[in-house]
Structures are given as C-alpha cells and as structure tokens.
Amino acid sequence: MAELLANMFQHAAITSGVTVRVAVTFMPDQSRVTSERWFWVYHIRLENARDERIQLRTRHWRITDGRGVVSLVDGEGVVGETPVLEPGGTHDYVSGCELTTRTGSMEGHYGFTHADGSLFEVAIPFFPLAAPATAR
C-alpha cells in the first residue's frame, strides 16, 4: 500500500502523526499560455495516524511564482469544509492554482484541533509547479 501511495502522490510530509500527501497535475486544457496563464490541479490526502479525533480548521499557503513573487493565502478549512478525521481516517480533496508564470511552487501548513480543542500545525510539503515547454 505504501508503494502505491508513493506512486500516486509525488510529495508527502508527516507532522505529529498526520500525513499530508500531494499529487499535482498541469492542466493544459485549462491554461491560456498565450495570455500567460498556467493552471495546475492538486489532490491532497490527509491521513490521521494519531490515537485521537482531529479536525482541520485553517489553511496557510505560500505560493511562489517563477519570478519569485510570493502570495500568501489564509482561510478557514479547505474547499469549504472543516473535515474531522477519526483515528486511522483519511480525507481527500482537489483544488487548483493559476499562475502567470510557467513555473512556481506551493507549500504551507494546516491548523488542526485536538479532541480537547487545542491547536496544532501540520506541514504541507513543498511541491513544484512546472508546465512543459510550449511553442508560442
């Protein structure tokens, strides 16, 4: 199973018993290269290996484009949800990122609460965004 997950998800980070896996795909059909707009979809899988129920409350993304311009994105939950993960549970979601450069990267952290309501952070692994070279 571990090998299958490693093949599906190119990037992973483990923090305090919570694994964040990321698979990223460039979307040529959604990109507008002539308008300098490149689009990627990323699939996130959250895995709770802790002995307690946890809940995702917040997200913090650091998105860097190919020029080194950094955008910070903070908010509640993910794609409108604040999922609860039981011990051994998982949660998957898909979202996207558009840049005005053909390369960039993303990384960040999630804010989770323990069963007692106290907060802890879980790392989102660094992952590159890279569009294939295209002729204009």
C-alpha atoms as a PDB file:
ATOM      1  CA  MET A   1       0.000   0.000   0.000  1.00  0.00           C
ATOM      2  CA  ALA A   2       2.827   2.420   0.847  1.00  0.00           C
ATOM      3  CA  GLU A   3       4.352   1.913  -2.613  1.00  0.00           C
ATOM      4  CA  LEU A   4       1.008   2.533  -4.300  1.00  0.00           C
ATOM      5  CA  LEU A   5       0.521   5.788  -2.357  1.00  0.00           C
ATOM      6  CA  ALA A   6       4.078   6.890  -3.155  1.00  0.00           C
ATOM      7  CA  ASN A   7       3.378   6.342  -6.864  1.00  0.00           C
ATOM      8  CA  MET A   8       0.059   8.224  -6.741  1.00  0.00           C
ATOM      9  CA  PHE A   9       1.227  11.126  -4.569  1.00  0.00           C
ATOM     10  CA  GLN A  10       4.595  12.619  -5.502  1.00  0.00           C
ATOM     11  CA  HIS A  11       5.062  14.629  -2.287  1.00  0.00           C
ATOM     12  CA  ALA A  12       4.418  13.887   1.401  1.00  0.00           C
ATOM     13  CA  ALA A  13       5.095  15.324   4.848  1.00  0.00           C
ATOM     14  CA  ILE A  14       4.388  13.836   8.283  1.00  0.00           C
ATOM     15  CA  THR A  15       3.827  16.058  11.314  1.00  0.00           C
ATOM     16  CA  SER A  16       2.705  14.775  14.718  1.00  0.00           C
ATOM     17  CA  GLY A  17       1.159  11.628  13.262  1.00  0.00           C
ATOM     18  CA  VAL A  18      -0.655  13.393  10.413  1.00  0.00           C
ATOM     19  CA  THR A  19       0.462  12.732   6.853  1.00  0.00           C
ATOM     20  CA  VAL A  20      -0.228  15.198   4.053  1.00  0.00           C
ATOM     21  CA  ARG A  21       0.188  13.736   0.562  1.00  0.00           C
ATOM     22  CA  VAL A  22       0.104  15.807  -2.632  1.00  0.00           C
ATOM     23  CA  ALA A  23      -0.313  14.864  -6.289  1.00  0.00           C
ATOM     24  CA  VAL A  24      -0.050  17.761  -8.729  1.00  0.00           C
ATOM     25  CA  THR A  25      -1.013  17.811 -12.412  1.00  0.00           C
ATOM     26  CA  PHE A  26      -0.536  20.531 -15.019  1.00  0.00           C
ATOM     27  CA  MET A  27      -3.790  21.203 -16.887  1.00  0.00           C
ATOM     28  CA  PRO A  28      -3.050  22.310 -20.479  1.00  0.00           C
ATOM     29  CA  ASP A  29      -6.760  22.475 -21.360  1.00  0.00           C
ATOM     30  CA  GLN A  30      -7.400  24.922 -18.507  1.00  0.00           C
ATOM     31  CA  SER A  31      -4.289  27.020 -19.203  1.00  0.00           C
ATOM     32  CA  ARG A  32      -4.141  30.004 -21.538  1.00  0.00           C
ATOM     33  CA  VAL A  33      -0.472  30.094 -22.466  1.00  0.00           C
ATOM     34  CA  THR A  34      -0.849  32.943 -24.988  1.00  0.00           C
ATOM     35  CA  SER A  35      -2.354  35.033 -22.151  1.00  0.00           C
ATOM     36  CA  GLU A  36       0.399  33.865 -19.751  1.00  0.00           C
ATOM     37  CA  ARG A  37      -1.951  31.845 -17.544  1.00  0.00           C
ATOM     38  CA  TRP A  38      -0.912  28.368 -16.432  1.00  0.00           C
ATOM     39  CA  PHE A  39      -3.173  26.133 -14.320  1.00  0.00           C
ATOM     40  CA  TRP A  40      -2.468  23.141 -12.076  1.00  0.00           C
ATOM     41  CA  VAL A  41      -4.765  20.848 -10.116  1.00  0.00           C
ATOM     42  CA  TYR A  42      -3.549  19.348  -6.875  1.00  0.00           C
ATOM     43  CA  HIS A  43      -5.025  16.403  -4.994  1.00  0.00           C
ATOM     44  CA  ILE A  44      -4.452  16.388  -1.229  1.00  0.00           C
ATOM     45  CA  ARG A  45      -4.848  13.347   1.010  1.00  0.00           C
ATOM     46  CA  LEU A  46      -4.822  13.832   4.780  1.00  0.00           C
ATOM     47  CA  GLU A  47      -4.166  10.742   6.929  1.00  0.00           C
ATOM     48  CA  ASN A  48      -4.648  10.612  10.691  1.00  0.00           C
ATOM     49  CA  ALA A  49      -2.336   8.076  12.371  1.00  0.00           C
ATOM     50  CA  ARG A  50      -2.974   9.612  15.811  1.00  0.00           C
ATOM     51  CA  ASP A  51      -4.994   7.927  18.574  1.00  0.00           C
ATOM     52  CA  GLU A  52      -7.491  10.783  18.681  1.00  0.00           C
ATOM     53  CA  ARG A  53     -10.052  12.529  16.512  1.00  0.00           C
ATOM     54  CA  ILE A  54      -8.731  15.729  14.933  1.00  0.00           C
ATOM     55  CA  GLN A  55     -10.342  18.460  12.872  1.00  0.00           C
ATOM     56  CA  LEU A  56      -8.841  20.625  10.159  1.00  0.00           C
ATOM     57  CA  ARG A  57      -9.656  24.265  10.931  1.00  0.00           C
ATOM     58  CA  THR A  58      -7.380  26.506   8.843  1.00  0.00           C
ATOM     59  CA  ARG A  59      -5.017  26.553   5.898  1.00  0.00           C
ATOM     60  CA  HIS A  60      -1.971  28.671   5.116  1.00  0.00           C
ATOM     61  CA  TRP A  61      -0.437  28.517   1.643  1.00  0.00           C
ATOM     62  CA  ARG A  62       2.769  30.127   0.409  1.00  0.00           C
ATOM     63  CA  ILE A  63       2.573  30.238  -3.390  1.00  0.00           C
ATOM     64  CA  THR A  64       5.677  31.392  -5.268  1.00  0.00           C
ATOM     65  CA  ASP A  65       5.637  32.106  -8.992  1.00  0.00           C
ATOM     66  CA  GLY A  66       8.548  31.743 -11.422  1.00  0.00           C
ATOM     67  CA  ARG A  67       9.614  35.355 -10.809  1.00  0.00           C
ATOM     68  CA  GLY A  68       9.877  34.770  -7.061  1.00  0.00           C
ATOM     69  CA  VAL A  69       6.702  36.704  -6.252  1.00  0.00           C
ATOM     70  CA  VAL A  70       5.100  35.214  -3.128  1.00  0.00           C
ATOM     71  CA  SER A  71       1.371  35.117  -2.432  1.00  0.00           C
ATOM     72  CA  LEU A  72       0.053  34.075   0.967  1.00  0.00           C
ATOM     73  CA  VAL A  73      -3.392  32.512   1.215  1.00  0.00           C
ATOM     74  CA  ASP A  74      -5.004  32.014   4.621  1.00  0.00           C
ATOM     75  CA  GLY A  75      -8.501  30.841   5.374  1.00  0.00           C
ATOM     76  CA  GLU A  76     -10.832  28.503   7.171  1.00  0.00           C
ATOM     77  CA  GLY A  77     -10.956  24.860   6.178  1.00  0.00           C
ATOM     78  CA  VAL A  78     -10.356  23.503   2.702  1.00  0.00           C
ATOM     79  CA  VAL A  79     -12.741  23.869  -0.249  1.00  0.00           C
ATOM     80  CA  GLY A  80     -15.489  24.967   2.130  1.00  0.00           C
ATOM     81  CA  GLU A  81     -15.042  22.087   4.585  1.00  0.00           C
ATOM     82  CA  THR A  82     -13.507  21.593   8.022  1.00  0.00           C
ATOM     83  CA  PRO A  83     -13.175  17.799   7.938  1.00  0.00           C
ATOM     84  CA  VAL A  84     -12.994  15.637  11.047  1.00  0.00           C
ATOM     85  CA  LEU A  85     -10.533  12.762  10.832  1.00  0.00           C
ATOM     86  CA  GLU A  86     -11.086   9.833  13.165  1.00  0.00           C
ATOM     87  CA  PRO A  87      -8.052   7.743  14.217  1.00  0.00           C
ATOM     88  CA  GLY A  88      -6.902   5.938  11.059  1.00  0.00           C
ATOM     89  CA  GLY A  89      -9.163   8.139   8.940  1.00  0.00           C
ATOM     90  CA  THR A  90      -8.414  10.000   5.730  1.00  0.00           C
ATOM     91  CA  HIS A  91      -9.800  12.984   3.859  1.00  0.00           C
ATOM     92  CA  ASP A  92      -9.190  13.798   0.188  1.00  0.00           C
ATOM     93  CA  TYR A  93      -9.866  16.995  -1.704  1.00  0.00           C
ATOM     94  CA  VAL A  94      -8.905  18.583  -5.008  1.00  0.00           C
ATOM     95  CA  SER A  95      -8.191  22.241  -5.702  1.00  0.00           C
ATOM     96  CA  GLY A  96      -6.248  24.309  -8.210  1.00  0.00           C
ATOM     97  CA  CYS A  97      -3.734  27.076  -8.690  1.00  0.00           C
ATOM     98  CA  GLU A  98      -3.268  29.504 -11.559  1.00  0.00           C
ATOM     99  CA  LEU A  99      -0.007  31.396 -12.112  1.00  0.00           C
ATOM    100  CA  THR A 100       1.175  33.980 -14.623  1.00  0.00           C
ATOM    101  CA  THR A 101       4.462  32.074 -14.998  1.00  0.00           C
ATOM    102  CA  ARG A 102       5.016  28.532 -16.286  1.00  0.00           C
ATOM    103  CA  THR A 103       6.775  27.503 -13.074  1.00  0.00           C
ATOM    104  CA  GLY A 104       6.292  28.058  -9.379  1.00  0.00           C
ATOM    105  CA  SER A 105       5.784  26.219  -6.130  1.00  0.00           C
ATOM    106  CA  MET A 106       3.443  25.765  -3.214  1.00  0.00           C
ATOM    107  CA  GLU A 107       3.887  24.846   0.447  1.00  0.00           C
ATOM    108  CA  GLY A 108       2.272  25.714   3.743  1.00  0.00           C
ATOM    109  CA  HIS A 109       0.502  24.269   6.760  1.00  0.00           C
ATOM    110  CA  TYR A 110      -2.884  23.317   8.097  1.00  0.00           C
ATOM    111  CA  GLY A 111      -4.205  24.230  11.516  1.00  0.00           C
ATOM    112  CA  PHE A 112      -5.837  21.286  13.272  1.00  0.00           C
ATOM    113  CA  THR A 113      -7.522  20.967  16.640  1.00  0.00           C
ATOM    114  CA  HIS A 114      -7.016  18.109  19.071  1.00  0.00           C
ATOM    115  CA  ALA A 115     -10.067  16.473  20.640  1.00  0.00           C
ATOM    116  CA  ASP A 116      -9.663  18.903  23.592  1.00  0.00           C
ATOM    117  CA  GLY A 117      -9.824  21.910  21.229  1.00  0.00           C
ATOM    118  CA  SER A 118      -6.149  22.912  21.396  1.00  0.00           C
ATOM    119  CA  LEU A 119      -4.459  23.821  18.123  1.00  0.00           C
ATOM    120  CA  PHE A 120      -1.502  22.273  16.312  1.00  0.00           C
ATOM    121  CA  GLU A 121       0.051  22.813  12.878  1.00  0.00           C
ATOM    122  CA  VAL A 122       0.668  20.193  10.197  1.00  0.00           C
ATOM    123  CA  ALA A 123       3.113  20.842   7.351  1.00  0.00           C
ATOM    124  CA  ILE A 124       2.023  20.806   3.733  1.00  0.00           C
ATOM    125  CA  PRO A 125       5.054  19.597   1.756  1.00  0.00           C
ATOM    126  CA  PHE A 126       6.786  21.837  -0.769  1.00  0.00           C
ATOM    127  CA  PHE A 127       5.790  20.893  -4.302  1.00  0.00           C
ATOM    128  CA  PRO A 128       6.862  22.415  -7.616  1.00  0.00           C
ATOM    129  CA  LEU A 129       4.508  23.643 -10.307  1.00  0.00           C
ATOM    130  CA  ALA A 130       6.051  23.190 -13.740  1.00  0.00           C
ATOM    131  CA  ALA A 131       4.375  23.409 -17.112  1.00  0.00           C
ATOM    132  CA  PRO A 132       6.003  21.685 -20.088  1.00  0.00           C
ATOM    133  CA  ALA A 133       7.767  23.947 -22.552  1.00  0.00           C
ATOM    134  CA  THR A 134       5.425  25.099 -25.290  1.00  0.00           C
ATOM    135  CA  ALA A 135       5.924  26.822 -28.614  1.00  0.00           C
ATOM    136  CA  ARG A 136       4.227  30.166 -28.962  1.00  0.00           C
END
